[in-house]
Amino acid sequence: MIPDQPELLEQAEYANEAFYLAFEAKDIDAMTNVWSSREDLICLHPGWPALTGRVAVLDSWRSILSNPQQGQVSVYNATCHLLGDECVMVICYESAGDAVMIATNIFQLDDGRMRMIAHQAGYCGQPPEPS
């Protein structure tokens, strides 16, 4: 059964928060749990080539989260946008040191819960203030 729109948006918002909590905690198990088990995942990190496939995406997160130089990332101003019956896009801003990035995170209903299928982050030259 597909949840109604407000419930689906709420689930995507929760999944987005879980993604950033895993990122902040540098917890690869939690990060792995956020991503869908599908093989056709996509991840675009700033400055990296496009990563496709579950193995490449999770290997990139393993590398990022195990890097002792990786600073903390916080998220703000997340907004959810319904893309279809089972798919939600979350647009948000990531703050990392002096840099702010805008991120697009796409979640799809997967075995009864929202799981990430795509992530893209890029530098934002004119970010809004946190609200």
Protein backbone atom coordinates (compact mmCIF):
# COMPACT_ATOMS: atom_id res chain seq x y z
CA MET A 1 0.00 0.00 0.00
CA ILE A 2 1.34 3.42 -0.98
CA PRO A 3 1.19 5.99 1.85
CA ASP A 4 -0.78 9.18 1.27
CA GLN A 5 1.12 12.30 0.17
CA PRO A 6 1.67 13.92 3.61
CA GLU A 7 2.88 10.61 5.07
CA LEU A 8 5.20 10.01 2.11
CA LEU A 9 6.68 13.53 2.45
CA GLU A 10 7.14 13.00 6.20
CA GLN A 11 8.89 9.68 5.60
CA ALA A 12 11.23 11.33 3.07
CA GLU A 13 12.01 14.12 5.53
CA TYR A 14 12.85 11.52 8.18
CA ALA A 15 15.01 9.54 5.70
CA ASN A 16 16.85 12.75 4.75
CA GLU A 17 17.55 13.44 8.44
CA ALA A 18 18.81 9.85 8.85
CA PHE A 19 21.18 10.40 5.90
CA TYR A 20 22.73 13.49 7.48
CA LEU A 21 22.88 11.90 10.93
CA ALA A 22 24.84 9.00 9.40
CA PHE A 23 27.08 11.53 7.62
CA GLU A 24 27.70 13.53 10.81
CA ALA A 25 28.32 10.40 12.88
CA LYS A 26 30.58 8.91 10.16
CA ASP A 27 28.55 5.71 10.54
CA ILE A 28 28.89 3.56 7.41
CA ASP A 29 26.34 1.01 8.65
CA ALA A 30 23.72 3.73 9.10
CA MET A 31 24.68 5.25 5.73
CA THR A 32 24.32 1.86 4.04
CA ASN A 33 20.88 1.47 5.63
CA VAL A 34 19.72 4.84 4.24
CA TRP A 35 20.49 3.87 0.64
CA SER A 36 18.19 1.62 -1.36
CA SER A 37 19.22 -1.95 -2.06
CA ARG A 38 18.66 -1.28 -5.77
CA GLU A 39 21.65 -1.49 -8.08
CA ASP A 40 20.85 1.62 -10.16
CA LEU A 41 21.86 4.22 -7.55
CA ILE A 42 23.48 7.55 -8.48
CA CYS A 43 25.75 9.80 -6.42
CA LEU A 44 27.42 13.06 -7.47
CA HIS A 45 29.88 14.36 -4.89
CA PRO A 46 31.40 17.81 -5.53
CA GLY A 47 34.57 17.41 -7.58
CA TRP A 48 34.09 13.68 -8.17
CA PRO A 49 33.05 11.89 -11.35
CA ALA A 50 29.51 10.53 -11.43
CA LEU A 51 29.14 7.34 -9.43
CA THR A 52 26.59 4.77 -10.52
CA GLY A 53 25.70 1.48 -8.92
CA ARG A 54 25.32 0.46 -5.31
CA VAL A 55 28.90 -0.78 -4.89
CA ALA A 56 30.51 2.42 -6.24
CA VAL A 57 28.16 4.68 -4.25
CA LEU A 58 28.70 2.86 -0.94
CA ASP A 59 32.46 2.60 -1.55
CA SER A 60 32.55 6.39 -1.94
CA TRP A 61 30.76 6.86 1.38
CA ARG A 62 33.08 4.37 3.05
CA SER A 63 36.01 6.46 1.83
CA ILE A 64 34.47 9.78 2.90
CA LEU A 65 33.32 8.59 6.32
CA SER A 66 36.64 6.94 7.14
CA ASN A 67 38.66 10.03 6.17
CA PRO A 68 39.96 11.68 9.38
CA GLN A 69 40.19 15.01 7.49
CA GLN A 70 36.47 14.95 6.70
CA GLY A 71 34.83 17.75 8.67
CA GLN A 72 31.36 17.90 10.09
CA VAL A 73 28.44 18.59 7.77
CA SER A 74 25.16 20.05 8.96
CA VAL A 75 21.96 20.42 6.97
CA TYR A 76 19.35 23.16 6.88
CA ASN A 77 16.29 24.45 4.99
CA ALA A 78 15.15 21.05 3.69
CA THR A 79 12.08 21.09 1.47
CA CYS A 80 10.31 18.00 0.14
CA HIS A 81 8.78 17.73 -3.33
CA LEU A 82 6.63 14.83 -4.47
CA LEU A 83 7.89 13.37 -7.77
CA GLY A 84 5.40 10.54 -8.09
CA ASP A 85 3.35 8.04 -6.13
CA GLU A 86 6.44 6.58 -4.46
CA CYS A 87 9.22 9.12 -5.03
CA VAL A 88 10.20 12.33 -3.21
CA MET A 89 12.98 14.83 -3.88
CA VAL A 90 14.48 16.74 -0.95
CA ILE A 91 16.34 19.98 -1.65
CA CYS A 92 18.51 21.20 1.23
CA TYR A 93 21.69 23.07 2.08
CA GLU A 94 24.81 21.47 3.54
CA SER A 95 27.15 23.54 5.65
CA ALA A 96 30.72 22.27 5.91
CA GLY A 97 33.22 24.67 7.42
CA ASP A 98 33.10 27.86 5.34
CA ALA A 99 31.45 26.15 2.36
CA VAL A 100 27.75 25.77 1.71
CA MET A 101 26.44 23.31 -0.81
CA ILE A 102 23.00 22.75 -2.21
CA ALA A 103 21.96 19.12 -2.30
CA THR A 104 19.31 17.16 -4.11
CA ASN A 105 18.39 13.87 -2.44
CA ILE A 106 15.89 11.53 -4.06
CA PHE A 107 14.08 8.89 -2.04
CA GLN A 108 11.86 6.10 -3.30
CA LEU A 109 9.55 3.79 -1.41
CA ASP A 110 11.51 0.54 -1.06
CA ASP A 111 10.08 -2.40 0.86
CA GLY A 112 7.70 -0.16 2.79
CA ARG A 113 10.04 2.73 3.64
CA MET A 114 11.74 5.64 1.93
CA ARG A 115 15.31 4.93 0.88
CA MET A 116 17.79 7.06 -1.05
CA ILE A 117 18.31 6.38 -4.74
CA ALA A 118 20.24 9.53 -5.71
CA HIS A 119 22.33 12.26 -4.08
CA GLN A 120 23.92 15.30 -5.70
CA ALA A 121 25.68 18.15 -3.92
CA GLY A 122 27.35 21.19 -5.42
CA TYR A 123 28.75 24.44 -4.11
CA CYS A 124 26.25 27.26 -3.63
CA GLY A 125 27.54 30.79 -4.21
CA GLN A 126 24.51 32.53 -2.71
CA PRO A 127 23.07 30.30 -0.01
CA PRO A 128 20.07 31.41 2.03
CA GLU A 129 20.27 31.92 5.77
CA PRO A 130 19.08 28.96 7.83
CA SER A 131 15.41 29.33 8.72
